[in-house]
Amino acid sequence: MDLKLIGSTFLVIFLAELGDKTQLATLSLAAQSGKKWSIFLGASSALIATSLIGALLGGTLGHLIRPEYVRLGAGLLFMALGILMILGKL
């Protein structure tokens, strides 16, 4: 295991997730239900599942497509989703 890579991945994902829709949804669910530990376990499980999918898909794509193209495609997809959100389509 590469501890430096684990640490940098944690930092990037942690900072990216602060204040995003996932955190706000978790906050809202915990406030509504009052069951913070159940919400924590459900949200954590969901984030682990989506991270697993991303890591597996990224690892597979990295072997099939040049990493530069994967990075470009991810960036373009991110921009397209942002534009759709601004336009109220998402």
N, C-alpha and C. Protein backbone atom coordinates (compact mmCIF):
# COMPACT_ATOMS: atom_id res chain seq x y z
N MET A 1 0.84 -1.18 0.00
CA MET A 1 0.00 0.00 0.00
C MET A 1 0.88 1.24 0.00
N ASP A 2 0.45 2.22 -0.72
CA ASP A 2 1.16 3.48 -0.83
C ASP A 2 0.51 4.50 0.11
N LEU A 3 1.10 4.69 1.29
CA LEU A 3 0.51 5.58 2.30
C LEU A 3 0.44 7.03 1.83
N LYS A 4 1.42 7.46 1.05
CA LYS A 4 1.39 8.83 0.53
C LYS A 4 0.19 9.02 -0.41
N LEU A 5 -0.06 8.03 -1.27
CA LEU A 5 -1.20 8.09 -2.19
C LEU A 5 -2.51 8.03 -1.42
N ILE A 6 -2.57 7.20 -0.38
CA ILE A 6 -3.78 7.13 0.45
C ILE A 6 -4.04 8.48 1.10
N GLY A 7 -3.00 9.09 1.66
CA GLY A 7 -3.15 10.39 2.32
C GLY A 7 -3.57 11.49 1.36
N SER A 8 -2.94 11.54 0.19
CA SER A 8 -3.31 12.59 -0.77
C SER A 8 -4.72 12.38 -1.32
N THR A 9 -5.10 11.12 -1.53
CA THR A 9 -6.47 10.83 -1.99
C THR A 9 -7.47 11.24 -0.93
N PHE A 10 -7.19 10.91 0.33
CA PHE A 10 -8.08 11.31 1.43
C PHE A 10 -8.25 12.82 1.45
N LEU A 11 -7.15 13.56 1.37
CA LEU A 11 -7.21 15.02 1.45
C LEU A 11 -8.01 15.60 0.29
N VAL A 12 -7.75 15.14 -0.91
CA VAL A 12 -8.46 15.67 -2.09
C VAL A 12 -9.97 15.38 -1.99
N ILE A 13 -10.33 14.15 -1.66
CA ILE A 13 -11.74 13.78 -1.58
C ILE A 13 -12.40 14.48 -0.41
N PHE A 14 -11.72 14.55 0.74
CA PHE A 14 -12.28 15.22 1.91
C PHE A 14 -12.59 16.68 1.61
N LEU A 15 -11.65 17.39 1.00
CA LEU A 15 -11.87 18.80 0.68
C LEU A 15 -12.95 18.97 -0.39
N ALA A 16 -12.99 18.05 -1.35
CA ALA A 16 -14.01 18.13 -2.41
C ALA A 16 -15.41 17.89 -1.87
N GLU A 17 -15.53 17.07 -0.84
CA GLU A 17 -16.84 16.71 -0.30
C GLU A 17 -17.37 17.74 0.70
N LEU A 18 -16.51 18.58 1.26
CA LEU A 18 -16.97 19.56 2.24
C LEU A 18 -17.99 20.52 1.61
N GLY A 19 -19.16 20.58 2.20
CA GLY A 19 -20.18 21.51 1.74
C GLY A 19 -20.85 21.14 0.43
N ASP A 20 -20.64 19.92 -0.06
CA ASP A 20 -21.30 19.56 -1.32
C ASP A 20 -22.71 19.02 -1.04
N LYS A 21 -23.39 18.62 -2.11
CA LYS A 21 -24.78 18.15 -1.96
C LYS A 21 -24.88 16.93 -1.06
N THR A 22 -23.89 16.06 -1.11
CA THR A 22 -23.93 14.86 -0.27
C THR A 22 -23.90 15.23 1.21
N GLN A 23 -23.01 16.13 1.57
CA GLN A 23 -22.91 16.53 2.97
C GLN A 23 -24.18 17.26 3.41
N LEU A 24 -24.71 18.10 2.56
CA LEU A 24 -25.94 18.82 2.91
C LEU A 24 -27.13 17.87 3.03
N ALA A 25 -27.20 16.87 2.16
CA ALA A 25 -28.28 15.88 2.25
C ALA A 25 -28.14 15.07 3.54
N THR A 26 -26.93 14.69 3.89
CA THR A 26 -26.69 13.96 5.13
C THR A 26 -27.08 14.79 6.33
N LEU A 27 -26.70 16.05 6.32
CA LEU A 27 -27.05 16.97 7.41
C LEU A 27 -28.56 17.08 7.54
N SER A 28 -29.24 17.24 6.42
CA SER A 28 -30.70 17.36 6.42
C SER A 28 -31.38 16.10 6.94
N LEU A 29 -30.92 14.94 6.48
CA LEU A 29 -31.51 13.68 6.93
C LEU A 29 -31.30 13.47 8.43
N ALA A 30 -30.11 13.81 8.91
CA ALA A 30 -29.82 13.66 10.34
C ALA A 30 -30.68 14.62 11.17
N ALA A 31 -30.86 15.82 10.66
CA ALA A 31 -31.69 16.80 11.38
C ALA A 31 -33.15 16.36 11.43
N GLN A 32 -33.65 15.80 10.33
CA GLN A 32 -35.04 15.37 10.27
C GLN A 32 -35.31 14.15 11.13
N SER A 33 -34.40 13.18 11.07
CA SER A 33 -34.65 11.91 11.76
C SER A 33 -34.18 11.93 13.21
N GLY A 34 -33.17 12.72 13.49
CA GLY A 34 -32.60 12.73 14.83
C GLY A 34 -31.77 11.49 15.12
N LYS A 35 -31.57 10.64 14.13
CA LYS A 35 -30.82 9.40 14.31
C LYS A 35 -29.49 9.51 13.57
N LYS A 36 -28.58 10.29 14.16
CA LYS A 36 -27.33 10.62 13.49
C LYS A 36 -26.47 9.40 13.15
N TRP A 37 -26.46 8.38 14.00
CA TRP A 37 -25.61 7.22 13.74
C TRP A 37 -26.16 6.36 12.60
N SER A 38 -27.46 6.25 12.50
CA SER A 38 -28.05 5.52 11.37
C SER A 38 -27.77 6.24 10.07
N ILE A 39 -27.91 7.56 10.09
CA ILE A 39 -27.62 8.36 8.90
C ILE A 39 -26.14 8.26 8.54
N PHE A 40 -25.28 8.33 9.56
CA PHE A 40 -23.84 8.20 9.32
C PHE A 40 -23.50 6.86 8.66
N LEU A 41 -24.05 5.79 9.18
CA LEU A 41 -23.77 4.47 8.61
C LEU A 41 -24.31 4.34 7.18
N GLY A 42 -25.51 4.84 6.94
CA GLY A 42 -26.07 4.79 5.59
C GLY A 42 -25.28 5.63 4.61
N ALA A 43 -24.94 6.86 5.01
CA ALA A 43 -24.19 7.75 4.12
C ALA A 43 -22.79 7.21 3.88
N SER A 44 -22.15 6.69 4.92
CA SER A 44 -20.80 6.14 4.78
C SER A 44 -20.80 4.94 3.84
N SER A 45 -21.80 4.08 3.98
CA SER A 45 -21.91 2.92 3.10
C SER A 45 -22.09 3.34 1.65
N ALA A 46 -22.91 4.36 1.43
CA ALA A 46 -23.13 4.86 0.07
C ALA A 46 -21.85 5.44 -0.51
N LEU A 47 -21.10 6.20 0.29
CA LEU A 47 -19.86 6.79 -0.21
C LEU A 47 -18.81 5.71 -0.49
N ILE A 48 -18.78 4.69 0.35
CA ILE A 48 -17.85 3.58 0.11
C ILE A 48 -18.21 2.87 -1.19
N ALA A 49 -19.51 2.63 -1.41
CA ALA A 49 -19.96 1.94 -2.62
C ALA A 49 -19.63 2.75 -3.88
N THR A 50 -19.90 4.05 -3.85
CA THR A 50 -19.62 4.88 -5.03
C THR A 50 -18.11 5.02 -5.24
N SER A 51 -17.34 5.07 -4.17
CA SER A 51 -15.88 5.13 -4.30
C SER A 51 -15.33 3.84 -4.89
N LEU A 52 -15.90 2.71 -4.48
CA LEU A 52 -15.48 1.42 -5.03
C LEU A 52 -15.76 1.37 -6.53
N ILE A 53 -16.95 1.80 -6.92
CA ILE A 53 -17.29 1.82 -8.34
C ILE A 53 -16.32 2.72 -9.10
N GLY A 54 -16.04 3.90 -8.56
CA GLY A 54 -15.12 4.83 -9.22
C GLY A 54 -13.72 4.27 -9.33
N ALA A 55 -13.23 3.64 -8.27
CA ALA A 55 -11.88 3.08 -8.29
C ALA A 55 -11.78 1.92 -9.28
N LEU A 56 -12.78 1.04 -9.27
CA LEU A 56 -12.75 -0.10 -10.19
C LEU A 56 -12.87 0.37 -11.64
N LEU A 57 -13.79 1.29 -11.89
CA LEU A 57 -13.97 1.80 -13.25
C LEU A 57 -12.74 2.56 -13.70
N GLY A 58 -12.18 3.39 -12.80
CA GLY A 58 -10.98 4.14 -13.15
C GLY A 58 -9.80 3.23 -13.43
N GLY A 59 -9.65 2.17 -12.63
CA GLY A 59 -8.57 1.22 -12.86
C GLY A 59 -8.71 0.50 -14.19
N THR A 60 -9.95 0.16 -14.53
CA THR A 60 -10.21 -0.51 -15.80
C THR A 60 -9.98 0.44 -16.97
N LEU A 61 -10.52 1.65 -16.86
CA LEU A 61 -10.34 2.63 -17.94
C LEU A 61 -8.87 2.98 -18.13
N GLY A 62 -8.13 3.01 -17.02
CA GLY A 62 -6.71 3.32 -17.09
C GLY A 62 -5.92 2.31 -17.90
N HIS A 63 -6.41 1.09 -17.96
CA HIS A 63 -5.74 0.07 -18.77
C HIS A 63 -6.22 0.07 -20.21
N LEU A 64 -7.42 0.57 -20.46
CA LEU A 64 -7.98 0.55 -21.80
C LEU A 64 -7.77 1.85 -22.58
N ILE A 65 -7.73 2.96 -21.85
CA ILE A 65 -7.65 4.28 -22.46
C ILE A 65 -6.48 5.03 -21.83
N ARG A 66 -5.80 5.84 -22.60
CA ARG A 66 -4.69 6.63 -22.04
C ARG A 66 -5.21 7.53 -20.92
N PRO A 67 -4.47 7.63 -19.81
CA PRO A 67 -4.92 8.44 -18.66
C PRO A 67 -5.27 9.89 -19.02
N GLU A 68 -4.57 10.46 -20.00
CA GLU A 68 -4.87 11.83 -20.41
C GLU A 68 -6.30 11.95 -20.95
N TYR A 69 -6.73 10.93 -21.68
CA TYR A 69 -8.08 10.94 -22.24
C TYR A 69 -9.14 10.72 -21.15
N VAL A 70 -8.81 9.89 -20.18
CA VAL A 70 -9.73 9.68 -19.05
C VAL A 70 -9.90 10.99 -18.29
N ARG A 71 -8.79 11.68 -18.02
CA ARG A 71 -8.82 12.95 -17.31
C ARG A 71 -9.61 14.00 -18.11
N LEU A 72 -9.37 14.07 -19.40
CA LEU A 72 -10.08 15.02 -20.26
C LEU A 72 -11.58 14.71 -20.28
N GLY A 73 -11.92 13.43 -20.43
CA GLY A 73 -13.33 13.03 -20.44
C GLY A 73 -14.02 13.35 -19.13
N ALA A 74 -13.34 13.09 -18.02
CA ALA A 74 -13.93 13.39 -16.71
C ALA A 74 -14.12 14.89 -16.54
N GLY A 75 -13.16 15.67 -16.98
CA GLY A 75 -13.28 17.12 -16.90
C GLY A 75 -14.43 17.65 -17.74
N LEU A 76 -14.56 17.14 -18.95
CA LEU A 76 -15.66 17.57 -19.82
C LEU A 76 -17.02 17.17 -19.25
N LEU A 77 -17.10 15.96 -18.71
CA LEU A 77 -18.34 15.51 -18.08
C LEU A 77 -18.69 16.38 -16.89
N PHE A 78 -17.70 16.72 -16.08
CA PHE A 78 -17.92 17.58 -14.92
C PHE A 78 -18.43 18.95 -15.37
N MET A 79 -17.83 19.51 -16.42
CA MET A 79 -18.27 20.81 -16.93
C MET A 79 -19.69 20.72 -17.49
N ALA A 80 -20.00 19.65 -18.22
CA ALA A 80 -21.34 19.49 -18.79
C ALA A 80 -22.39 19.39 -17.68
N LEU A 81 -22.08 18.64 -16.63
CA LEU A 81 -23.03 18.54 -15.51
C LEU A 81 -23.21 19.88 -14.82
N GLY A 82 -22.13 20.63 -14.68
CA GLY A 82 -22.23 21.97 -14.09
C GLY A 82 -23.11 22.89 -14.91
N ILE A 83 -22.95 22.86 -16.21
CA ILE A 83 -23.78 23.69 -17.10
C ILE A 83 -25.25 23.28 -16.99
N LEU A 84 -25.50 21.97 -16.98
CA LEU A 84 -26.88 21.49 -16.85
C LEU A 84 -27.50 21.92 -15.51
N MET A 85 -26.70 21.91 -14.47
CA MET A 85 -27.19 22.35 -13.16
C MET A 85 -27.51 23.85 -13.18
N ILE A 86 -26.64 24.63 -13.79
CA ILE A 86 -26.87 26.08 -13.89
C ILE A 86 -28.15 26.36 -14.66
N LEU A 87 -28.38 25.60 -15.73
CA LEU A 87 -29.56 25.79 -16.56
C LEU A 87 -30.82 25.19 -15.95
N GLY A 88 -30.68 24.52 -14.81
CA GLY A 88 -31.83 23.92 -14.13
C GLY A 88 -32.31 22.63 -14.76
N LYS A 89 -31.46 21.97 -15.53
CA LYS A 89 -31.84 20.71 -16.18
C LYS A 89 -31.58 19.50 -15.29
N LEU A 90 -30.84 19.69 -14.20
CA LEU A 90 -30.57 18.60 -13.26
C LEU A 90 -31.11 18.96 -11.88
